[in-house]
Each structure stands twice: as C-alpha cells, then as structure tokens.
Amino acid sequence: MNRLLFWWRELLATFWFVPVLIILAAVGLAVGSIYLDSLLDLAAAGMGRYLLTQSPASARSILTTISGAMIGVAGTVFSITLVVLTLASSQFGPRLIRNFMYVRLNQVVLGAYIALFAYCLLVLNAIRESDQMTFVPALSILLALAGAVVNIVLLIFFIHEVAVSIQADTVVSGISDALFRNMRNLFPEELGEEKESRKEADEAAMKDEFEVDQPLRAIKNGYVQYIYTEAILRHATRHNLLVELYYRTGDYLV
C-alpha cells in the first residue's frame, strides 16, 4: 500500500499527469453530452432561442472559434510558464525550478485549455447536415460556451498567480513550507536522547553470528527516494537476516 501511495505521489508531482486526466475527462464529457443530445429534442423557445444553437453553420462557426482560441491561449500559457521558469532559474537558482513546475494551478490551466480544444473537435465532428438528417448537438455547444467562459476566468487567476509566485517573499514562504513538510516525512518521531545505547562491541558480536555478509549495491546512480522499511523488516524477520542501512532518504548513491 505504501508503495502505491509513493508512486501515486510521484505521478501527481509530474507536469503532464493532471492535464492528461483533464483531457480524458473532457473526452468522456463530449461523448456523454453528444449522447444526451441524440436522446433529447431541445426546442429553441423562450430563453432557449438565445442560448441554444439550431443552425449547423452557426454551430460549426462557434466550435471552430472556441477551439482555435483555446489552442492559441494554451500556447500562450505554456510560453508564460517557460518565461517564469527562466526568470526563477536566473533570479533564485535552478534548484527552485521544481517548485514552479509542480504548481497545481499551472497544470490545471494548461489541461483545461487543451481539454476544451479536444472537446470542441469531438462535438464539431458530430454535427451532421444532409438531406436525410440534420443533427446539431445544442447542449454540447452550450457546454462548450460555458467552458470558454470558465477558461477566461482561469486565465485571469493564472496571470495573477504567476505574478505573485515570482515574488521573493512567496518563494521563501514556499521553500519554508516544503522544508517543514519534508522534515515531518523524514523524521516522524520526536528527537531526544536514547534511553539505552548499544555498545560497538555488542554490535560486532551480533554481526559475528551471521556467516554470510552480502552487500547490496545500487543498480544506478541517483537519490534515494523511498525506503520501504516495513517490507525490509518482514523479509529480515522471515529469513533471520540482519540488515544495515548506511543511507537514508535523500542521500545520493553512486
């Protein structure tokens, strides 16, 4: 279970995982909304005359405009993110780039714009106009319009957060929070004096009870990211082993 949680946190820390989830959700929403449009016969009466689109040409025009605008703004958002990373690297050092890359709002904004682009393409492909039938997914187009409005609001929040995130006090506060969070993960127990200390002679005598001494070397260079202590303890107890750990999480191994 701990290993699954570790890999889940690693996925959430990547820059691509959250946008991919949002895109998949948009694809499912497009399929579901088109299916609802095929079942429902929405009449353009009352306020529906101003909200629902009945003309195939108008529907294509609306979806083409939204999709083109969304992919254009997505490129702008990505460019702004790269500029922020460049400024952060030059002003605060390259070690802080990781903090800016994994800001959840950046991932959500990028995923939202690309997801709406994919949504509009799928809905645009569903429009039919022929002698036999005419199908205009009015509900799906209304959802696309609502998504465009939401993305405009997201863009305003994104620009605000970018302007705030590169300020020195915000950077220092983020580093402080990450430091204390990592300290709680690495040292969950309270520090203090040990009640009983084992002497080196006792340790040497305990090691002499084992006939085989087998070192375990790292298979590649890199930092120790996680130590599954519970599994190591169960394995050592089952096979009567003595395991010595010379490194802890965060150490670099060659």
Protein backbone atom coordinates (compact mmCIF):
# COMPACT_ATOMS: atom_id res chain seq x y z
CA MET A 1 0.00 0.00 0.00
CA ASN A 2 2.80 2.41 0.87
CA ARG A 3 4.49 1.69 -2.44
CA LEU A 4 1.28 2.50 -4.33
CA LEU A 5 0.92 5.75 -2.40
CA PHE A 6 4.53 6.60 -3.24
CA TRP A 7 4.01 6.06 -6.96
CA TRP A 8 0.72 7.98 -6.83
CA ARG A 9 2.51 10.98 -5.28
CA GLU A 10 5.20 10.70 -7.94
CA LEU A 11 2.53 10.80 -10.67
CA LEU A 12 0.88 13.83 -9.09
CA ALA A 13 4.28 15.55 -8.99
CA THR A 14 4.75 15.28 -12.78
CA PHE A 15 3.75 18.15 -15.07
CA TRP A 16 1.78 16.00 -17.54
CA PHE A 17 -0.40 13.75 -15.37
CA VAL A 18 -3.08 16.24 -14.27
CA PRO A 19 -3.53 17.72 -17.80
CA VAL A 20 -3.92 14.21 -19.23
CA LEU A 21 -6.61 13.41 -16.66
CA ILE A 22 -8.46 16.62 -17.53
CA ILE A 23 -8.27 15.82 -21.26
CA LEU A 24 -9.63 12.31 -20.70
CA ALA A 25 -12.47 13.77 -18.63
CA ALA A 26 -13.26 16.21 -21.44
CA VAL A 27 -13.36 13.37 -23.98
CA GLY A 28 -15.80 11.46 -21.77
CA LEU A 29 -17.90 14.61 -21.28
CA ALA A 30 -18.04 15.15 -25.05
CA VAL A 31 -19.22 11.60 -25.69
CA GLY A 32 -21.81 11.82 -22.91
CA SER A 33 -23.17 15.22 -23.99
CA ILE A 34 -23.46 14.13 -27.63
CA TYR A 35 -25.34 11.04 -26.49
CA LEU A 36 -27.73 13.20 -24.44
CA ASP A 37 -28.27 15.46 -27.44
CA SER A 38 -29.21 12.43 -29.52
CA LEU A 39 -31.85 11.49 -26.92
CA LEU A 40 -33.21 14.94 -26.14
CA ASP A 41 -35.07 17.21 -28.53
CA LEU A 42 -34.27 20.66 -27.18
CA ALA A 43 -36.57 23.27 -28.70
CA ALA A 44 -35.28 26.80 -29.10
CA ALA A 45 -38.16 28.50 -27.29
CA GLY A 46 -38.12 31.31 -24.75
CA MET A 47 -34.61 31.88 -23.42
CA GLY A 48 -33.51 28.83 -25.38
CA ARG A 49 -33.61 30.96 -28.54
CA TYR A 50 -30.65 32.93 -27.20
CA LEU A 51 -28.72 30.03 -25.65
CA LEU A 52 -29.27 27.03 -27.92
CA THR A 53 -27.87 26.83 -31.44
CA GLN A 54 -30.04 25.19 -34.10
CA SER A 55 -28.16 26.06 -37.29
CA PRO A 56 -25.34 23.68 -38.35
CA ALA A 57 -23.38 26.57 -39.87
CA SER A 58 -23.60 28.60 -36.66
CA ALA A 59 -22.64 25.57 -34.59
CA ARG A 60 -19.56 24.94 -36.72
CA SER A 61 -18.60 28.60 -36.53
CA ILE A 62 -18.91 28.70 -32.73
CA LEU A 63 -16.96 25.49 -32.15
CA THR A 64 -14.25 26.46 -34.64
CA THR A 65 -13.81 29.84 -32.96
CA ILE A 66 -13.63 28.34 -29.47
CA SER A 67 -11.23 25.55 -30.45
CA GLY A 68 -8.90 27.93 -32.30
CA ALA A 69 -8.89 30.37 -29.41
CA MET A 70 -8.28 27.66 -26.82
CA ILE A 71 -5.28 26.11 -28.56
CA GLY A 72 -3.85 29.60 -29.10
CA VAL A 73 -4.23 30.54 -25.44
CA ALA A 74 -2.79 27.14 -24.43
CA GLY A 75 0.37 28.03 -26.35
CA THR A 76 0.43 31.41 -24.59
CA VAL A 77 0.03 29.75 -21.18
CA PHE A 78 2.87 27.35 -21.97
CA SER A 79 5.08 30.27 -23.09
CA ILE A 80 4.32 32.21 -19.90
CA THR A 81 5.22 29.13 -17.85
CA LEU A 82 8.57 28.82 -19.64
CA VAL A 83 9.29 32.52 -19.10
CA VAL A 84 8.53 32.16 -15.38
CA LEU A 85 10.83 29.14 -15.16
CA THR A 86 13.60 31.11 -16.88
CA LEU A 87 13.19 34.06 -14.51
CA ALA A 88 13.07 31.76 -11.49
CA SER A 89 16.22 29.95 -12.60
CA SER A 90 18.16 33.18 -13.17
CA GLN A 91 16.99 35.01 -10.04
CA PHE A 92 16.57 32.27 -7.44
CA GLY A 93 18.71 29.42 -8.80
CA PRO A 94 17.98 26.28 -10.85
CA ARG A 95 17.14 24.23 -7.76
CA LEU A 96 13.84 26.09 -7.37
CA ILE A 97 12.56 25.26 -10.87
CA ARG A 98 10.94 22.11 -9.45
CA ASN A 99 8.79 24.28 -7.15
CA PHE A 100 7.42 26.30 -10.09
CA MET A 101 6.88 23.33 -12.39
CA TYR A 102 4.66 21.43 -9.97
CA VAL A 103 2.29 24.26 -9.09
CA ARG A 104 -1.14 22.66 -9.43
CA LEU A 105 -2.79 25.75 -10.94
CA ASN A 106 -0.36 25.73 -13.90
CA GLN A 107 -1.21 22.11 -14.66
CA VAL A 108 -4.96 22.69 -14.32
CA VAL A 109 -4.94 25.76 -16.59
CA LEU A 110 -2.90 24.05 -19.31
CA GLY A 111 -5.08 20.93 -19.12
CA ALA A 112 -8.31 22.96 -19.17
CA TYR A 113 -7.44 24.77 -22.41
CA ILE A 114 -6.25 21.68 -24.24
CA ALA A 115 -9.22 19.69 -22.92
CA LEU A 116 -11.71 22.27 -24.24
CA PHE A 117 -9.91 22.19 -27.59
CA ALA A 118 -10.32 18.40 -27.77
CA TYR A 119 -13.95 18.69 -26.61
CA CYS A 120 -14.80 21.15 -29.39
CA LEU A 121 -13.18 18.93 -32.02
CA LEU A 122 -15.25 15.93 -30.94
CA VAL A 123 -18.51 17.91 -30.86
CA LEU A 124 -17.67 19.52 -34.20
CA ASN A 125 -17.22 16.09 -35.73
CA ALA A 126 -20.71 15.07 -34.51
CA ILE A 127 -22.56 17.80 -36.43
CA ARG A 128 -24.48 16.36 -39.40
CA GLU A 129 -26.26 18.19 -42.21
CA SER A 130 -27.68 16.21 -45.13
CA ASP A 131 -30.93 15.53 -46.95
CA GLN A 132 -31.65 12.56 -44.69
CA MET A 133 -30.93 14.16 -41.31
CA THR A 134 -29.71 17.27 -39.54
CA PHE A 135 -28.08 16.89 -36.13
CA VAL A 136 -26.89 19.87 -34.10
CA PRO A 137 -25.75 19.00 -30.53
CA ALA A 138 -27.18 22.13 -28.92
CA LEU A 139 -26.49 21.03 -25.35
CA SER A 140 -22.88 20.16 -26.17
CA ILE A 141 -22.35 23.55 -27.80
CA LEU A 142 -23.84 25.27 -24.75
CA LEU A 143 -21.36 23.37 -22.55
CA ALA A 144 -18.53 24.48 -24.85
CA LEU A 145 -19.60 28.12 -24.42
CA ALA A 146 -19.72 27.67 -20.64
CA GLY A 147 -16.25 26.09 -20.72
CA ALA A 148 -14.90 29.04 -22.70
CA VAL A 149 -16.19 31.46 -20.05
CA VAL A 150 -14.66 29.37 -17.27
CA ASN A 151 -11.32 29.27 -19.08
CA ILE A 152 -11.31 33.07 -19.40
CA VAL A 153 -11.70 33.32 -15.62
CA LEU A 154 -8.94 30.71 -15.20
CA LEU A 155 -6.62 32.80 -17.36
CA ILE A 156 -7.13 35.79 -15.07
CA PHE A 157 -6.32 33.66 -11.99
CA PHE A 158 -3.32 32.18 -13.79
CA ILE A 159 -1.81 35.59 -14.62
CA HIS A 160 -2.36 36.73 -11.04
CA GLU A 161 -0.75 33.61 -9.57
CA VAL A 162 2.23 33.87 -11.93
CA ALA A 163 2.80 37.49 -10.92
CA VAL A 164 2.66 36.53 -7.24
CA SER A 165 4.69 33.31 -7.50
CA ILE A 166 7.92 35.00 -8.65
CA GLN A 167 7.98 37.45 -5.74
CA ALA A 168 10.77 36.81 -3.27
CA ASP A 169 8.58 36.53 -0.17
CA THR A 170 6.31 33.98 -1.86
CA VAL A 171 9.32 31.91 -2.93
CA VAL A 172 10.81 31.94 0.58
CA SER A 173 7.45 31.01 2.12
CA GLY A 174 7.06 28.09 -0.31
CA ILE A 175 10.56 26.82 0.48
CA SER A 176 9.84 27.02 4.20
CA ASP A 177 6.60 25.06 3.88
CA ALA A 178 8.27 22.39 1.73
CA LEU A 179 11.17 22.12 4.20
CA PHE A 180 8.97 21.53 7.24
CA ARG A 181 6.75 19.12 5.29
CA ASN A 182 9.77 17.06 4.24
CA MET A 183 11.16 17.13 7.77
CA ARG A 184 7.92 15.65 9.10
CA ASN A 185 8.10 12.90 6.48
CA LEU A 186 11.77 12.11 7.08
CA PHE A 187 11.70 12.42 10.88
CA PRO A 188 8.18 11.48 12.06
CA GLU A 189 9.32 10.75 15.62
CA GLU A 190 10.34 13.29 18.23
CA LEU A 191 14.08 13.81 18.65
CA GLY A 192 15.58 13.11 22.07
CA GLU A 193 18.13 11.12 23.98
CA GLU A 194 18.06 7.33 23.70
CA LYS A 195 17.23 5.51 26.89
CA GLU A 196 19.52 2.59 26.06
CA SER A 197 22.58 2.73 23.80
CA ARG A 198 24.09 -0.43 22.38
CA LYS A 199 27.89 -0.59 22.53
CA GLU A 200 30.00 -1.20 19.46
CA ALA A 201 31.20 -4.48 20.93
CA ASP A 202 27.65 -5.75 21.18
CA GLU A 203 27.02 -4.77 17.58
CA ALA A 204 30.17 -6.57 16.43
CA ALA A 205 29.16 -9.69 18.39
CA MET A 206 25.72 -9.64 16.84
CA LYS A 207 27.23 -9.37 13.35
CA ASP A 208 29.56 -12.32 14.07
CA GLU A 209 26.53 -14.58 14.48
CA PHE A 210 25.93 -14.40 10.72
CA GLU A 211 28.17 -16.40 8.41
CA VAL A 212 27.43 -14.56 5.16
CA ASP A 213 27.98 -10.83 4.62
CA GLN A 214 26.39 -9.67 1.36
CA PRO A 215 26.48 -6.01 0.34
CA LEU A 216 23.56 -4.68 -1.72
CA ARG A 217 24.64 -2.07 -4.25
CA ALA A 218 22.55 0.46 -6.09
CA ILE A 219 21.67 -0.59 -9.65
CA LYS A 220 22.08 3.00 -10.91
CA ASN A 221 23.20 6.45 -9.79
CA GLY A 222 20.63 8.70 -8.15
CA TYR A 223 18.97 9.88 -4.95
CA VAL A 224 17.25 7.50 -2.53
CA GLN A 225 13.60 8.47 -2.90
CA TYR A 226 11.87 5.97 -0.63
CA ILE A 227 12.77 3.17 1.78
CA TYR A 228 10.08 0.56 2.37
CA THR A 229 11.12 -0.23 5.95
CA GLU A 230 8.10 -2.43 6.73
CA ALA A 231 8.85 -4.80 3.84
CA ILE A 232 12.56 -4.91 4.74
CA LEU A 233 11.70 -5.75 8.35
CA ARG A 234 9.26 -8.52 7.34
CA HIS A 235 11.81 -10.03 4.94
CA ALA A 236 14.61 -9.90 7.55
CA THR A 237 12.38 -11.49 10.21
CA ARG A 238 11.18 -14.25 7.88
CA HIS A 239 14.70 -15.25 6.78
CA ASN A 240 16.59 -14.43 10.01
CA LEU A 241 18.67 -11.66 8.46
CA LEU A 242 20.47 -8.61 9.80
CA VAL A 243 20.03 -5.57 7.56
CA GLU A 244 22.21 -2.49 7.96
CA LEU A 245 21.13 0.71 6.24
CA TYR A 246 24.01 3.11 5.68
CA TYR A 247 21.93 5.68 3.80
CA ARG A 248 18.62 7.40 4.32
CA THR A 249 16.04 9.05 2.09
CA GLY A 250 17.59 11.98 0.23
CA ASP A 251 21.16 10.61 0.09
CA TYR A 252 22.89 10.31 -3.28
CA LEU A 253 24.18 6.88 -4.25
CA VAL A 254 26.86 6.05 -6.81
